[in-house]
N, C-alpha and C. Protein backbone atom coordinates (compact mmCIF):
# COMPACT_ATOMS: atom_id res chain seq x y z
N MET A 1 85.31 127.23 65.88
CA MET A 1 86.33 127.29 64.85
C MET A 1 85.87 126.46 63.65
N THR A 2 85.88 127.05 62.49
CA THR A 2 85.48 126.36 61.27
C THR A 2 86.72 125.72 60.65
N ARG A 3 86.61 124.43 60.32
CA ARG A 3 87.71 123.70 59.69
C ARG A 3 87.44 123.61 58.21
N ARG A 4 88.49 123.65 57.43
CA ARG A 4 88.39 123.49 55.98
C ARG A 4 88.55 122.03 55.63
N LEU A 5 87.77 121.58 54.68
CA LEU A 5 87.87 120.22 54.18
C LEU A 5 89.20 120.05 53.46
N PRO A 6 90.01 119.07 53.85
CA PRO A 6 91.27 118.84 53.15
C PRO A 6 91.00 118.50 51.68
N PRO A 7 91.93 118.83 50.79
CA PRO A 7 91.69 118.62 49.36
C PRO A 7 91.74 117.14 48.93
N ARG A 8 92.35 116.29 49.76
CA ARG A 8 92.49 114.87 49.40
C ARG A 8 92.80 114.05 50.65
N GLU A 9 92.68 112.74 50.50
CA GLU A 9 93.06 111.83 51.58
C GLU A 9 94.59 111.74 51.65
N THR A 10 95.08 111.52 52.87
CA THR A 10 96.51 111.31 53.10
C THR A 10 96.64 110.21 54.13
N LEU A 11 97.84 110.00 54.65
CA LEU A 11 98.02 109.00 55.71
C LEU A 11 97.31 109.39 56.99
N THR A 12 97.02 110.67 57.16
CA THR A 12 96.36 111.13 58.39
C THR A 12 94.98 111.74 58.14
N VAL A 13 94.48 111.67 56.92
CA VAL A 13 93.14 112.16 56.57
C VAL A 13 92.41 111.06 55.82
N GLU A 14 91.27 110.68 56.34
CA GLU A 14 90.46 109.61 55.73
C GLU A 14 89.06 110.14 55.49
N PHE A 15 88.55 109.93 54.28
CA PHE A 15 87.18 110.29 53.93
C PHE A 15 86.33 109.03 53.92
N LYS A 16 85.13 109.11 54.47
CA LYS A 16 84.18 107.98 54.45
C LYS A 16 82.81 108.48 54.03
N SER A 17 82.26 107.85 53.02
CA SER A 17 80.90 108.17 52.59
C SER A 17 79.91 107.72 53.66
N ASP A 18 78.84 108.48 53.82
CA ASP A 18 77.81 108.12 54.79
C ASP A 18 76.43 108.20 54.16
N LEU A 19 76.37 108.20 52.82
CA LEU A 19 75.08 108.30 52.14
C LEU A 19 74.14 107.16 52.50
N LYS A 20 74.68 105.96 52.61
CA LYS A 20 73.87 104.77 52.91
C LYS A 20 74.10 104.29 54.34
N LYS A 21 74.55 105.17 55.23
CA LYS A 21 74.89 104.88 56.61
C LYS A 21 76.05 103.91 56.69
N LEU A 22 77.23 104.47 56.88
CA LEU A 22 78.42 103.66 57.06
C LEU A 22 78.19 102.73 58.25
N PRO A 23 78.39 101.43 58.07
CA PRO A 23 78.19 100.52 59.20
C PRO A 23 79.09 100.89 60.38
N ASP A 24 78.56 100.76 61.60
CA ASP A 24 79.32 101.10 62.79
C ASP A 24 80.67 100.39 62.82
N ARG A 25 80.68 99.13 62.41
CA ARG A 25 81.92 98.35 62.41
C ARG A 25 83.00 99.02 61.55
N GLU A 26 82.61 99.51 60.36
CA GLU A 26 83.57 100.15 59.46
C GLU A 26 84.01 101.51 59.99
N LEU A 27 83.12 102.23 60.62
CA LEU A 27 83.47 103.51 61.22
C LEU A 27 84.51 103.31 62.32
N ILE A 28 84.26 102.36 63.20
CA ILE A 28 85.19 102.09 64.29
C ILE A 28 86.52 101.59 63.75
N GLU A 29 86.49 100.72 62.75
CA GLU A 29 87.73 100.21 62.15
C GLU A 29 88.59 101.35 61.60
N ALA A 30 87.97 102.29 60.91
CA ALA A 30 88.72 103.42 60.35
C ALA A 30 89.34 104.27 61.47
N LEU A 31 88.60 104.50 62.54
CA LEU A 31 89.12 105.29 63.65
C LEU A 31 90.26 104.58 64.37
N VAL A 32 90.12 103.28 64.57
CA VAL A 32 91.18 102.51 65.23
C VAL A 32 92.44 102.49 64.37
N CYS A 33 92.28 102.36 63.06
CA CYS A 33 93.44 102.39 62.16
C CYS A 33 94.18 103.72 62.28
N LEU A 34 93.44 104.82 62.29
CA LEU A 34 94.08 106.13 62.45
C LEU A 34 94.77 106.23 63.81
N ALA A 35 94.11 105.76 64.86
CA ALA A 35 94.68 105.84 66.21
C ALA A 35 95.94 104.99 66.35
N ASN A 36 95.99 103.86 65.64
CA ASN A 36 97.15 102.97 65.73
C ASN A 36 98.31 103.43 64.86
N ALA A 37 98.09 104.42 64.03
CA ALA A 37 99.16 104.96 63.19
C ALA A 37 99.61 106.29 63.81
N GLU A 38 99.68 107.32 63.02
CA GLU A 38 100.12 108.63 63.50
C GLU A 38 98.97 109.46 64.07
N GLY A 39 97.78 108.90 64.11
CA GLY A 39 96.60 109.69 64.46
C GLY A 39 96.08 110.32 63.19
N GLY A 40 95.09 111.15 63.29
CA GLY A 40 94.58 111.80 62.10
C GLY A 40 93.14 112.19 62.24
N GLU A 41 92.53 112.44 61.09
CA GLU A 41 91.16 112.92 61.03
C GLU A 41 90.32 112.03 60.13
N LEU A 42 89.15 111.67 60.60
CA LEU A 42 88.18 110.96 59.79
C LEU A 42 87.09 111.97 59.44
N TRP A 43 86.86 112.14 58.15
CA TRP A 43 85.82 113.04 57.66
C TRP A 43 84.66 112.18 57.19
N LEU A 44 83.66 112.04 58.04
CA LEU A 44 82.48 111.24 57.73
C LEU A 44 81.52 112.09 56.90
N GLY A 45 81.01 111.51 55.82
CA GLY A 45 80.10 112.24 54.96
C GLY A 45 80.81 112.90 53.79
N VAL A 46 82.03 112.39 53.49
CA VAL A 46 82.82 112.93 52.39
C VAL A 46 83.24 111.75 51.51
N GLU A 47 83.07 111.92 50.20
CA GLU A 47 83.44 110.87 49.24
C GLU A 47 84.96 110.86 49.04
N ASP A 48 85.48 109.78 48.45
CA ASP A 48 86.92 109.63 48.23
C ASP A 48 87.51 110.76 47.39
N ASP A 49 86.70 111.40 46.55
CA ASP A 49 87.20 112.49 45.72
C ASP A 49 87.07 113.86 46.41
N ALA A 50 86.81 113.84 47.72
CA ALA A 50 86.70 115.04 48.57
C ALA A 50 85.40 115.80 48.37
N THR A 51 84.40 115.18 47.79
CA THR A 51 83.09 115.81 47.63
C THR A 51 82.27 115.58 48.91
N PRO A 52 81.88 116.65 49.60
CA PRO A 52 81.03 116.47 50.78
C PRO A 52 79.61 116.09 50.37
N THR A 53 79.10 115.02 50.94
CA THR A 53 77.75 114.56 50.61
C THR A 53 76.84 114.48 51.82
N GLY A 54 77.36 114.71 53.01
CA GLY A 54 76.54 114.78 54.21
C GLY A 54 76.46 113.50 55.01
N LEU A 55 75.92 113.65 56.20
CA LEU A 55 75.79 112.55 57.14
C LEU A 55 74.43 111.88 57.05
N HIS A 56 74.43 110.60 57.28
CA HIS A 56 73.17 109.86 57.42
C HIS A 56 72.48 110.38 58.68
N ALA A 57 71.17 110.35 58.70
CA ALA A 57 70.40 110.88 59.83
C ALA A 57 70.82 110.28 61.17
N GLU A 58 71.19 109.00 61.18
CA GLU A 58 71.58 108.35 62.44
C GLU A 58 72.97 108.77 62.93
N HIS A 59 73.73 109.48 62.11
CA HIS A 59 75.08 109.90 62.51
C HIS A 59 75.17 111.41 62.76
N ARG A 60 74.04 112.09 62.81
CA ARG A 60 74.08 113.54 62.96
C ARG A 60 74.25 114.00 64.40
N MET A 61 73.98 113.14 65.37
CA MET A 61 74.17 113.51 66.77
C MET A 61 75.58 113.11 67.19
N LEU A 62 76.49 114.07 67.18
CA LEU A 62 77.90 113.77 67.40
C LEU A 62 78.19 113.19 68.77
N GLU A 63 77.46 113.60 69.80
CA GLU A 63 77.68 113.06 71.13
C GLU A 63 77.40 111.55 71.14
N GLY A 64 76.34 111.16 70.46
CA GLY A 64 76.01 109.74 70.37
C GLY A 64 77.06 108.95 69.63
N LEU A 65 77.63 109.53 68.60
CA LEU A 65 78.68 108.87 67.83
C LEU A 65 79.92 108.64 68.70
N ALA A 66 80.33 109.67 69.43
CA ALA A 66 81.51 109.54 70.30
C ALA A 66 81.28 108.48 71.38
N GLY A 67 80.09 108.45 71.94
CA GLY A 67 79.76 107.45 72.96
C GLY A 67 79.76 106.04 72.40
N MET A 68 79.25 105.87 71.19
CA MET A 68 79.22 104.56 70.55
C MET A 68 80.64 104.05 70.31
N VAL A 69 81.52 104.93 69.84
CA VAL A 69 82.92 104.53 69.60
C VAL A 69 83.59 104.16 70.92
N ALA A 70 83.41 104.97 71.94
CA ALA A 70 84.03 104.70 73.24
C ALA A 70 83.54 103.38 73.82
N ALA A 71 82.25 103.09 73.65
CA ALA A 71 81.68 101.86 74.22
C ALA A 71 82.13 100.60 73.47
N ARG A 72 82.50 100.74 72.21
CA ARG A 72 82.83 99.55 71.40
C ARG A 72 84.32 99.36 71.19
N THR A 73 85.16 100.13 71.86
CA THR A 73 86.61 99.93 71.75
C THR A 73 87.19 99.69 73.13
N SER A 74 88.27 98.95 73.17
CA SER A 74 88.90 98.63 74.45
C SER A 74 90.42 98.65 74.27
N PRO A 75 91.11 99.57 74.92
CA PRO A 75 90.57 100.61 75.79
C PRO A 75 89.73 101.60 74.99
N SER A 76 88.89 102.34 75.68
CA SER A 76 87.98 103.26 75.02
C SER A 76 88.75 104.27 74.18
N LEU A 77 88.32 104.44 72.95
CA LEU A 77 88.92 105.41 72.03
C LEU A 77 88.13 106.70 72.14
N SER A 78 88.81 107.77 72.47
CA SER A 78 88.17 109.07 72.60
C SER A 78 88.22 109.78 71.26
N VAL A 79 87.06 110.23 70.78
CA VAL A 79 87.01 110.93 69.48
C VAL A 79 86.39 112.30 69.66
């Protein structure tokens, strides 16, 4: 299923640039904030103005990203 990029950030949609590799700490913080609120979607590789700019090479393996988040949160956050 192909998802469309939302036109803007909202309380449940967060965009994070990944051009210079978003630090793991900031990635996890954004996910935990969404999980502690109403839930939502984090769009990694998207600028604040909704321009897609892509993922850093170290964030392209999605399985590894999910494992890193689960390992660094307690209780484990499933993404």
